[in-house]
């Protein structure tokens, strides 16, 4: 069983500058300290604003999460049989963050959600990595890191300005198609 999975968004070169502008334009306040984040952030419904570039990214992230979630539930080489139930991941919330030099994200988790993600929008050279369960996970622009929501994670003090990411949470639900 793995603790994270990294996938590259195929349209990051075309879309990341627009995604950065969306995050920057939706910052809810210039307050630098809020809960676990010392930095700036959007509200939690960035995925519900009808912004095409965000909607495209969320569609890809949702499909990628559904296609790969078995990696967090099985041992290497194990086949998981789902029977007649459909497994569905629902995107519950999504937000953007911008951190500058000296800012960080303190350790926390996203329980009771199922799968969380962080997507690298703007990662200048020297940007801090994410730490998941005490393991440093280096990712770059266009990478989406998926991990089980119960895992503790943080971002150490950032070394550069304008590090931007989009993060969110999926909840797993089971729908039984036939009764």
Foldseek 3Di string as FASTA:
>chain_A
DDFKDKDFAPCLVPQLVVVLVLFVVQFPDQQQDDPQWRFTKHDFASCPPPDVSSVVVVVVVQVVCVVPVVVVVDDPPDDDDDPQKDKHWDWDTKMKTWDFAFIKGHKDFQPPFFKKKKAWSQAPPQFWAKQWQNRGDDDHHRMMMMGTRRIIMMTPGGHGGGGMMMMTTIHMDIDRPDD
